[in-house]
Amino acid sequence: MTTAARLSPFEKYRHIVIEGPIGVGKTSLARRLADRFDARPVLEDPAANPFLERFYRDARRYALPTQLCFLFQRMDQLRELAQHELFSQAAVGDFLLDKDPLFAHLTLADDELALYRQIFDSLHPQAPVPDLVIYLQAQPDTLVERVHRRGSAMEESIPESYLRELADSYSRFFHQYDAAPLLIVNTEHLNPIDREEDFELLLQQLAGLRGRRAFFNVGE
């Protein structure tokens, strides 16, 4: 048996979700896991949200349609996933529906938030609970640098203050999250996307997980 097969996290967790704020690398890691282990990728599609670019230019005006468009997009993907009996193919996603209101609280006015919560609360019970959530975290300065480095024209207009608020909101959310087993990974000095040795370290950590909450931190 090869090392990759022996360390496959999908032997234990059939539905894994990678989470974290903008710039932390969740989508890249989800793709890498899907490619390595032939899992089904369940990924957000920002390009399919016609309001997103306008939101980054005028957040107050376009926050609600942007938020609802992402909510409906995510629900469509999760419903399709749930229809596959017992997840016949392992799945790895880059979003957790439980976290969706986090953005709403940062961007919506009170009346818009009340409307959003009504819609979210009616849809949320239909979403499958993942077998494992991997939360990637990094310091706000690191996230800002990574967003600028990848050079997305759309993301260039994101205010640094928003990225910092978002990182703080993620930290508070996952501090209390207990709906599924959770692995918190500090990515300040870990790059499982570009460094093979770091990816293998993460796989070893996944293979040895016990209990419902664990932390993985690599020093300099």
Protein backbone atom coordinates (compact mmCIF):
# COMPACT_ATOMS: atom_id res chain seq x y z
CA MET A 1 0.00 0.00 0.00
CA THR A 2 1.36 3.44 -0.92
CA THR A 3 1.90 6.21 1.58
CA ALA A 4 -0.84 8.29 -0.07
CA ALA A 5 -3.34 5.46 0.17
CA ARG A 6 -2.39 4.63 3.74
CA LEU A 7 -2.87 8.25 4.79
CA SER A 8 -6.09 8.89 2.86
CA PRO A 9 -8.35 10.93 5.16
CA PHE A 10 -11.40 9.79 3.21
CA GLU A 11 -11.16 6.29 4.63
CA LYS A 12 -12.40 7.81 7.87
CA TYR A 13 -14.13 11.04 6.78
CA ARG A 14 -16.28 10.77 3.66
CA HIS A 15 -17.28 14.45 3.61
CA ILE A 16 -14.57 16.97 4.51
CA VAL A 17 -14.95 20.74 4.47
CA ILE A 18 -12.00 23.16 4.34
CA GLU A 19 -12.80 26.57 5.81
CA GLY A 20 -11.11 29.86 6.55
CA PRO A 21 -11.13 33.54 5.59
CA ILE A 22 -10.30 35.02 2.20
CA GLY A 23 -6.66 34.38 1.26
CA VAL A 24 -5.97 31.47 3.61
CA GLY A 25 -5.89 28.82 0.84
CA LYS A 26 -9.01 26.76 1.51
CA THR A 27 -10.01 26.29 -2.14
CA SER A 28 -6.49 25.33 -3.21
CA LEU A 29 -6.24 22.77 -0.43
CA ALA A 30 -9.67 21.35 -1.21
CA ARG A 31 -8.64 20.93 -4.85
CA ARG A 32 -5.38 19.26 -3.85
CA LEU A 33 -7.15 16.76 -1.60
CA ALA A 34 -9.72 16.04 -4.30
CA ASP A 35 -7.02 15.46 -6.92
CA ARG A 36 -4.88 13.25 -4.68
CA PHE A 37 -7.68 10.99 -3.47
CA ASP A 38 -10.19 11.17 -6.33
CA ALA A 39 -12.75 12.90 -4.14
CA ARG A 40 -15.59 15.00 -5.46
CA PRO A 41 -14.82 18.74 -5.18
CA VAL A 42 -17.71 20.88 -3.92
CA LEU A 43 -16.43 24.41 -4.43
CA GLU A 44 -17.84 27.90 -4.35
CA ASP A 45 -18.08 29.60 -7.72
CA PRO A 46 -17.57 33.34 -7.15
CA ALA A 47 -17.58 33.98 -10.91
CA ALA A 48 -21.20 32.75 -11.02
CA ASN A 49 -22.31 35.43 -8.56
CA PRO A 50 -23.19 38.47 -10.69
CA PHE A 51 -23.28 40.78 -7.65
CA LEU A 52 -19.87 40.04 -6.15
CA GLU A 53 -17.77 42.51 -8.13
CA ARG A 54 -20.36 45.23 -7.49
CA PHE A 55 -20.34 44.34 -3.77
CA TYR A 56 -16.62 44.99 -3.52
CA ARG A 57 -17.18 48.42 -5.12
CA ASP A 58 -20.34 49.34 -3.15
CA ALA A 59 -20.84 46.96 -0.23
CA ARG A 60 -23.83 48.72 1.30
CA ARG A 61 -25.88 48.62 -1.89
CA TYR A 62 -25.07 45.09 -3.04
CA ALA A 63 -24.53 43.15 0.20
CA LEU A 64 -27.96 41.52 0.34
CA PRO A 65 -28.17 40.22 -3.25
CA THR A 66 -24.55 39.04 -3.03
CA GLN A 67 -25.24 37.19 0.21
CA LEU A 68 -28.46 35.57 -1.01
CA CYS A 69 -26.92 34.55 -4.33
CA PHE A 70 -24.12 32.72 -2.50
CA LEU A 71 -26.61 31.15 -0.09
CA PHE A 72 -28.75 29.71 -2.89
CA GLN A 73 -25.68 28.58 -4.81
CA ARG A 74 -24.31 26.75 -1.77
CA MET A 75 -27.65 25.13 -1.01
CA ASP A 76 -28.00 23.86 -4.59
CA GLN A 77 -24.56 22.24 -4.34
CA LEU A 78 -25.30 20.68 -0.94
CA ARG A 79 -28.68 19.32 -2.03
CA GLU A 80 -27.01 17.67 -5.01
CA LEU A 81 -24.36 16.23 -2.72
CA ALA A 82 -26.97 14.88 -0.30
CA GLN A 83 -28.76 13.09 -3.14
CA HIS A 84 -25.77 10.82 -3.68
CA GLU A 85 -26.63 7.86 -1.48
CA LEU A 86 -24.20 7.63 1.47
CA PHE A 87 -21.79 9.85 -0.47
CA SER A 88 -20.85 7.06 -2.86
CA GLN A 89 -17.85 9.20 -3.81
CA ALA A 90 -15.98 10.99 -1.04
CA ALA A 91 -16.43 14.76 -1.14
CA VAL A 92 -14.33 17.75 -0.15
CA GLY A 93 -15.71 21.28 -0.08
CA ASP A 94 -14.43 24.80 0.53
CA PHE A 95 -17.44 26.18 2.39
CA LEU A 96 -19.43 25.38 5.52
CA LEU A 97 -23.03 26.53 5.40
CA ASP A 98 -23.14 27.09 9.17
CA LYS A 99 -20.64 29.91 8.68
CA ASP A 100 -22.73 31.72 6.05
CA PRO A 101 -24.35 34.18 8.52
CA LEU A 102 -20.90 35.39 9.54
CA PHE A 103 -20.69 37.46 6.34
CA ALA A 104 -24.27 38.66 6.72
CA HIS A 105 -23.61 40.09 10.18
CA LEU A 106 -20.63 42.02 8.81
CA THR A 107 -22.35 43.52 5.78
CA LEU A 108 -26.14 43.71 6.13
CA ALA A 109 -28.32 46.39 7.68
CA ASP A 110 -30.64 45.25 10.46
CA ASP A 111 -33.75 44.87 8.27
CA GLU A 112 -31.79 43.04 5.57
CA LEU A 113 -30.22 40.78 8.18
CA ALA A 114 -33.66 39.86 9.54
CA LEU A 115 -34.81 38.89 6.02
CA TYR A 116 -31.62 36.93 5.38
CA ARG A 117 -31.98 35.04 8.70
CA GLN A 118 -35.52 33.97 7.80
CA ILE A 119 -34.31 32.53 4.50
CA PHE A 120 -31.19 30.95 5.98
CA ASP A 121 -33.10 29.32 8.87
CA SER A 122 -35.57 27.77 6.42
CA LEU A 123 -32.79 26.30 4.25
CA HIS A 124 -30.16 25.31 6.79
CA PRO A 125 -31.83 22.05 7.97
CA GLN A 126 -31.49 20.68 4.43
CA ALA A 127 -27.69 20.89 4.47
CA PRO A 128 -25.72 17.73 5.31
CA VAL A 129 -23.34 17.95 8.27
CA PRO A 130 -19.74 17.23 7.22
CA ASP A 131 -17.76 14.43 8.83
CA LEU A 132 -14.81 16.76 9.43
CA VAL A 133 -14.14 20.49 9.19
CA ILE A 134 -10.58 21.75 8.69
CA TYR A 135 -10.31 25.41 9.66
CA LEU A 136 -7.25 27.13 8.19
CA GLN A 137 -6.21 30.21 10.12
CA ALA A 138 -3.58 32.92 9.70
CA GLN A 139 -2.88 36.33 11.13
CA PRO A 140 -4.74 39.24 9.47
CA ASP A 141 -1.50 40.74 8.12
CA THR A 142 -0.68 37.41 6.49
CA LEU A 143 -4.13 37.19 4.89
CA VAL A 144 -3.86 40.74 3.53
CA GLU A 145 -0.44 39.96 2.04
CA ARG A 146 -1.68 36.73 0.45
CA VAL A 147 -4.72 38.41 -1.10
CA HIS A 148 -2.53 41.13 -2.59
CA ARG A 149 0.04 38.60 -3.80
CA ARG A 150 -2.41 36.52 -5.80
CA GLY A 151 -3.42 39.63 -7.75
CA SER A 152 -7.11 39.05 -8.36
CA ALA A 153 -8.55 42.19 -9.95
CA MET A 154 -11.82 41.71 -8.07
CA GLU A 155 -10.11 41.25 -4.71
CA GLU A 156 -7.85 44.28 -5.11
CA SER A 157 -10.77 46.49 -4.07
CA ILE A 158 -11.42 44.62 -0.79
CA PRO A 159 -10.64 47.00 2.09
CA GLU A 160 -7.99 45.73 4.50
CA SER A 161 -10.34 46.61 7.36
CA TYR A 162 -12.89 44.14 5.97
CA LEU A 163 -10.30 41.35 5.73
CA ARG A 164 -9.28 41.98 9.34
CA GLU A 165 -12.88 42.00 10.57
CA LEU A 166 -13.52 38.81 8.65
CA ALA A 167 -10.50 37.04 10.16
CA ASP A 168 -11.64 38.03 13.65
CA SER A 169 -15.19 36.82 12.96
CA TYR A 170 -13.89 33.45 11.76
CA SER A 171 -11.83 33.05 14.93
CA ARG A 172 -14.82 33.75 17.15
CA PHE A 173 -17.08 31.46 15.12
CA PHE A 174 -14.78 28.44 15.23
CA HIS A 175 -13.95 29.00 18.87
CA GLN A 176 -17.54 27.96 19.58
CA TYR A 177 -18.22 25.59 16.65
CA ASP A 178 -19.07 22.02 17.70
CA ALA A 179 -21.50 20.70 15.09
CA ALA A 180 -18.82 18.44 13.52
CA PRO A 181 -15.29 17.29 14.38
CA LEU A 182 -12.90 20.20 13.88
CA LEU A 183 -9.19 20.44 13.09
CA ILE A 184 -7.76 23.96 13.49
CA VAL A 185 -4.63 24.42 11.37
CA ASN A 186 -2.30 27.38 11.79
CA THR A 187 -0.98 28.17 8.29
CA GLU A 188 1.49 30.90 9.30
CA HIS A 189 4.42 28.50 8.75
CA LEU A 190 2.65 25.64 7.00
CA ASN A 191 2.04 25.56 3.25
CA PRO A 192 0.30 22.28 2.35
CA ILE A 193 -0.58 23.61 -1.09
CA ASP A 194 2.88 24.37 -2.44
CA ARG A 195 5.13 22.21 -0.22
CA GLU A 196 4.80 18.46 -0.52
CA GLU A 197 6.33 17.83 2.91
CA ASP A 198 3.76 20.13 4.53
CA PHE A 199 0.93 18.38 2.70
CA GLU A 200 2.18 15.02 3.97
CA LEU A 201 2.40 16.43 7.51
CA LEU A 202 -1.23 17.49 7.28
CA LEU A 203 -2.25 14.04 6.03
CA GLN A 204 -0.46 12.44 8.97
CA GLN A 205 -2.31 14.77 11.32
CA LEU A 206 -5.63 13.78 9.76
CA ALA A 207 -4.79 10.09 10.06
CA GLY A 208 -4.12 10.45 13.76
CA LEU A 209 -7.11 12.58 14.74
CA ARG A 210 -8.98 11.57 17.87
CA GLY A 211 -11.94 13.27 19.49
CA ARG A 212 -13.94 16.19 18.14
CA ARG A 213 -11.43 19.05 18.30
CA ALA A 214 -7.71 19.22 17.57
CA PHE A 215 -5.07 21.85 16.80
CA PHE A 216 -2.14 21.63 14.39
CA ASN A 217 0.58 24.23 14.64
CA VAL A 218 4.06 24.18 13.06
CA GLY A 219 6.70 26.60 14.32
CA GLU A 220 9.23 28.43 12.19
